[in-house]
N, C-alpha and C. Protein backbone atom coordinates (compact mmCIF):
# COMPACT_ATOMS: atom_id res chain seq x y z
N UNK A 1 0.12 21.53 -7.76
CA UNK A 1 0.93 20.74 -6.86
C UNK A 1 1.22 21.56 -5.60
N UNK A 2 1.16 20.88 -4.49
CA UNK A 2 1.38 21.53 -3.21
C UNK A 2 2.87 21.78 -2.98
N UNK A 3 3.18 22.94 -2.47
CA UNK A 3 4.56 23.29 -2.16
C UNK A 3 4.99 22.57 -0.86
N UNK A 4 6.25 22.19 -0.82
CA UNK A 4 6.77 21.59 0.40
C UNK A 4 6.91 22.67 1.47
N UNK A 5 6.42 22.33 2.64
CA UNK A 5 6.57 23.22 3.78
C UNK A 5 7.69 22.70 4.66
N UNK A 6 8.05 23.47 5.66
CA UNK A 6 9.05 22.99 6.61
C UNK A 6 8.58 21.70 7.28
N UNK A 7 7.28 21.60 7.53
CA UNK A 7 6.74 20.39 8.17
C UNK A 7 6.88 19.17 7.27
N UNK A 8 6.57 19.31 5.98
CA UNK A 8 6.69 18.16 5.09
C UNK A 8 8.15 17.77 4.87
N UNK A 9 9.02 18.76 4.82
CA UNK A 9 10.45 18.44 4.72
C UNK A 9 10.93 17.69 5.96
N UNK A 10 10.49 18.13 7.12
CA UNK A 10 10.86 17.47 8.37
C UNK A 10 10.29 16.05 8.41
N UNK A 11 9.03 15.90 8.00
CA UNK A 11 8.39 14.59 7.94
C UNK A 11 9.18 13.65 7.03
N UNK A 12 9.51 14.11 5.84
CA UNK A 12 10.27 13.29 4.88
C UNK A 12 11.64 12.92 5.42
N UNK A 13 12.29 13.87 6.08
CA UNK A 13 13.61 13.61 6.66
C UNK A 13 13.53 12.51 7.73
N UNK A 14 12.54 12.61 8.61
CA UNK A 14 12.40 11.62 9.68
C UNK A 14 12.02 10.25 9.12
N UNK A 15 11.13 10.21 8.13
CA UNK A 15 10.77 8.94 7.50
C UNK A 15 12.01 8.31 6.87
N UNK A 16 12.79 9.11 6.18
CA UNK A 16 14.01 8.60 5.57
C UNK A 16 14.99 8.05 6.58
N UNK A 17 15.15 8.75 7.68
CA UNK A 17 16.05 8.27 8.74
C UNK A 17 15.58 6.93 9.29
N UNK A 18 14.28 6.78 9.44
CA UNK A 18 13.73 5.53 9.96
C UNK A 18 13.94 4.41 8.96
N UNK A 19 13.68 4.67 7.68
CA UNK A 19 13.91 3.65 6.66
C UNK A 19 15.36 3.21 6.64
N UNK A 20 16.27 4.18 6.73
CA UNK A 20 17.70 3.87 6.72
C UNK A 20 18.09 3.06 7.95
N UNK A 21 17.57 3.42 9.11
CA UNK A 21 17.88 2.69 10.34
C UNK A 21 17.36 1.26 10.26
N UNK A 22 16.12 1.09 9.81
CA UNK A 22 15.56 -0.26 9.67
C UNK A 22 16.37 -1.08 8.67
N UNK A 23 16.75 -0.46 7.55
CA UNK A 23 17.55 -1.19 6.55
C UNK A 23 18.87 -1.66 7.14
N UNK A 24 19.52 -0.77 7.86
CA UNK A 24 20.82 -1.13 8.43
C UNK A 24 20.72 -2.17 9.53
N UNK A 25 19.69 -2.06 10.38
CA UNK A 25 19.60 -2.96 11.53
C UNK A 25 18.88 -4.27 11.21
N UNK A 26 17.88 -4.22 10.35
CA UNK A 26 17.09 -5.43 10.05
C UNK A 26 17.63 -6.19 8.84
N UNK A 27 17.97 -5.47 7.78
CA UNK A 27 18.43 -6.13 6.56
C UNK A 27 19.96 -6.19 6.49
N UNK A 28 20.63 -5.34 7.27
CA UNK A 28 22.10 -5.32 7.33
C UNK A 28 22.73 -5.28 5.93
N UNK A 29 22.28 -4.30 5.13
CA UNK A 29 22.85 -4.17 3.79
C UNK A 29 22.83 -2.71 3.36
N UNK A 30 23.50 -2.46 2.26
CA UNK A 30 23.52 -1.11 1.71
C UNK A 30 22.22 -0.84 0.96
N UNK A 31 21.95 0.42 0.70
CA UNK A 31 20.75 0.76 -0.07
C UNK A 31 20.87 0.22 -1.49
N UNK A 32 22.06 0.24 -2.05
CA UNK A 32 22.25 -0.27 -3.41
C UNK A 32 21.95 -1.77 -3.48
N UNK A 33 22.42 -2.52 -2.50
CA UNK A 33 22.17 -3.97 -2.49
C UNK A 33 20.68 -4.25 -2.30
N UNK A 34 20.05 -3.54 -1.38
CA UNK A 34 18.62 -3.74 -1.15
C UNK A 34 17.84 -3.45 -2.43
N UNK A 35 18.16 -2.35 -3.09
CA UNK A 35 17.47 -2.00 -4.33
C UNK A 35 17.70 -3.05 -5.41
N UNK A 36 18.95 -3.47 -5.57
CA UNK A 36 19.27 -4.50 -6.58
C UNK A 36 18.55 -5.81 -6.30
N UNK A 37 18.58 -6.24 -5.06
CA UNK A 37 17.99 -7.53 -4.69
C UNK A 37 16.47 -7.56 -4.81
N UNK A 38 15.84 -6.39 -4.77
CA UNK A 38 14.37 -6.35 -4.74
C UNK A 38 13.77 -5.55 -5.89
N UNK A 39 14.57 -5.29 -6.92
CA UNK A 39 14.06 -4.65 -8.12
C UNK A 39 13.57 -3.23 -7.93
N UNK A 40 14.20 -2.52 -7.02
CA UNK A 40 13.83 -1.13 -6.79
C UNK A 40 14.84 -0.21 -7.46
N UNK A 41 14.41 0.99 -7.73
CA UNK A 41 15.30 2.00 -8.29
C UNK A 41 16.23 2.51 -7.19
N UNK A 42 17.54 2.39 -7.40
CA UNK A 42 18.52 2.81 -6.39
C UNK A 42 18.40 4.28 -6.06
N UNK A 43 18.22 5.09 -7.09
CA UNK A 43 18.12 6.54 -6.88
C UNK A 43 16.92 6.92 -6.04
N UNK A 44 15.78 6.31 -6.33
CA UNK A 44 14.58 6.61 -5.54
C UNK A 44 14.74 6.18 -4.09
N UNK A 45 15.32 5.00 -3.87
CA UNK A 45 15.53 4.55 -2.50
C UNK A 45 16.46 5.52 -1.77
N UNK A 46 17.50 5.95 -2.42
CA UNK A 46 18.43 6.91 -1.82
C UNK A 46 17.72 8.22 -1.50
N UNK A 47 16.90 8.71 -2.43
CA UNK A 47 16.16 9.95 -2.20
C UNK A 47 15.14 9.80 -1.08
N UNK A 48 14.52 8.61 -0.97
CA UNK A 48 13.59 8.36 0.14
C UNK A 48 14.34 8.42 1.47
N UNK A 49 15.46 7.71 1.54
CA UNK A 49 16.23 7.65 2.78
C UNK A 49 16.82 9.00 3.17
N UNK A 50 17.06 9.86 2.20
CA UNK A 50 17.61 11.18 2.49
C UNK A 50 16.53 12.24 2.65
N UNK A 51 15.26 11.82 2.57
CA UNK A 51 14.15 12.74 2.79
C UNK A 51 13.97 13.77 1.70
N UNK A 52 14.46 13.48 0.52
CA UNK A 52 14.40 14.43 -0.57
C UNK A 52 13.03 14.42 -1.26
N UNK A 53 12.41 13.26 -1.32
CA UNK A 53 11.13 13.14 -2.02
C UNK A 53 10.00 12.79 -1.06
N UNK A 54 8.79 13.14 -1.48
CA UNK A 54 7.59 12.68 -0.77
C UNK A 54 7.37 11.24 -1.20
N UNK A 55 7.44 10.32 -0.27
CA UNK A 55 7.33 8.90 -0.59
C UNK A 55 5.88 8.45 -0.62
N UNK A 56 5.53 7.76 -1.68
CA UNK A 56 4.20 7.15 -1.76
C UNK A 56 4.14 6.01 -0.76
N UNK A 57 2.96 5.79 -0.23
CA UNK A 57 2.78 4.71 0.75
C UNK A 57 3.13 3.36 0.12
N UNK A 58 2.84 3.19 -1.17
CA UNK A 58 3.16 1.93 -1.84
C UNK A 58 4.67 1.72 -1.91
N UNK A 59 5.44 2.79 -2.08
CA UNK A 59 6.90 2.66 -2.10
C UNK A 59 7.46 2.36 -0.72
N UNK A 60 6.89 2.99 0.30
CA UNK A 60 7.34 2.70 1.67
C UNK A 60 7.02 1.24 2.01
N UNK A 61 5.85 0.78 1.58
CA UNK A 61 5.46 -0.61 1.83
C UNK A 61 6.44 -1.56 1.14
N UNK A 62 6.82 -1.24 -0.10
CA UNK A 62 7.77 -2.08 -0.83
C UNK A 62 9.11 -2.15 -0.11
N UNK A 63 9.56 -1.01 0.41
CA UNK A 63 10.82 -0.99 1.15
C UNK A 63 10.68 -1.81 2.43
N UNK A 64 9.56 -1.67 3.12
CA UNK A 64 9.32 -2.44 4.35
C UNK A 64 9.40 -3.93 4.06
N UNK A 65 8.74 -4.37 2.99
CA UNK A 65 8.79 -5.79 2.63
C UNK A 65 10.22 -6.24 2.32
N UNK A 66 10.95 -5.40 1.60
CA UNK A 66 12.33 -5.75 1.25
C UNK A 66 13.22 -5.85 2.49
N UNK A 67 12.97 -4.98 3.45
CA UNK A 67 13.75 -4.98 4.70
C UNK A 67 13.34 -6.15 5.58
N UNK A 68 12.07 -6.56 5.46
CA UNK A 68 11.58 -7.67 6.29
C UNK A 68 10.84 -7.20 7.52
N UNK A 69 10.22 -6.03 7.44
CA UNK A 69 9.41 -5.51 8.55
C UNK A 69 8.02 -5.18 8.03
N UNK A 70 7.08 -5.03 8.93
CA UNK A 70 5.74 -4.62 8.55
C UNK A 70 5.71 -3.11 8.34
N UNK A 71 4.86 -2.69 7.43
CA UNK A 71 4.68 -1.26 7.20
C UNK A 71 4.29 -0.57 8.49
N UNK A 72 3.46 -1.22 9.29
CA UNK A 72 3.02 -0.62 10.55
C UNK A 72 4.19 -0.36 11.50
N UNK A 73 5.23 -1.19 11.44
CA UNK A 73 6.41 -0.95 12.27
C UNK A 73 7.08 0.37 11.91
N UNK A 74 7.12 0.65 10.63
CA UNK A 74 7.72 1.91 10.17
C UNK A 74 6.85 3.08 10.59
N UNK A 75 5.54 2.95 10.43
CA UNK A 75 4.61 4.02 10.80
C UNK A 75 4.66 4.28 12.30
N UNK A 76 4.69 3.24 13.09
CA UNK A 76 4.77 3.39 14.55
C UNK A 76 6.06 4.10 14.94
N UNK A 77 7.17 3.70 14.33
CA UNK A 77 8.46 4.36 14.62
C UNK A 77 8.42 5.83 14.23
N UNK A 78 7.78 6.12 13.09
CA UNK A 78 7.66 7.51 12.64
C UNK A 78 6.79 8.32 13.60
N UNK A 79 5.68 7.76 14.05
CA UNK A 79 4.82 8.46 15.00
C UNK A 79 5.57 8.75 16.30
N UNK A 80 6.35 7.79 16.76
CA UNK A 80 7.13 7.99 17.99
C UNK A 80 8.17 9.08 17.79
N UNK A 81 8.81 9.07 16.65
CA UNK A 81 9.86 10.05 16.37
C UNK A 81 9.29 11.47 16.26
N UNK A 82 8.15 11.59 15.59
CA UNK A 82 7.56 12.91 15.38
C UNK A 82 6.86 13.45 16.62
N UNK A 83 6.37 12.58 17.47
CA UNK A 83 5.66 13.00 18.67
C UNK A 83 4.16 13.12 18.42
N UNK A 84 3.41 13.01 19.48
CA UNK A 84 1.95 12.98 19.37
C UNK A 84 1.35 14.32 18.96
N UNK A 85 2.08 15.40 19.11
CA UNK A 85 1.54 16.71 18.77
C UNK A 85 1.90 17.17 17.34
N UNK A 86 2.63 16.33 16.59
CA UNK A 86 3.03 16.70 15.23
C UNK A 86 1.83 16.67 14.30
N UNK A 87 1.68 17.70 13.48
CA UNK A 87 0.62 17.80 12.47
C UNK A 87 1.23 18.32 11.18
N UNK A 88 0.86 17.71 10.06
CA UNK A 88 1.30 18.22 8.77
C UNK A 88 0.46 19.41 8.34
N UNK A 89 -0.82 19.39 8.72
CA UNK A 89 -1.71 20.48 8.36
C UNK A 89 -1.60 21.63 9.33
N UNK A 90 -2.32 22.68 9.00
CA UNK A 90 -2.29 23.88 9.82
C UNK A 90 -3.16 23.75 11.06
N UNK A 91 -4.13 22.88 11.02
CA UNK A 91 -5.08 22.78 12.14
C UNK A 91 -4.91 21.52 12.91
């Protein structure tokens, strides 16, 4: 298993912030309500939003659907937040 680097921690933190912002502005609900209403694990959603875990694309997609946005909207927001020069890899 790959160790988390500062870059992956930063990536997860920014993704979580974006998910939380979209949830609050688009769905206007708490993470607990969103999880309950859409059959998601509350703890995992909380860990995703707090950038604690590496989120699978399928889980991010599920959250996007629950919030009522396209997955691409989340990815575009993440790309804008991270900047065009951000790289997870060394090269």
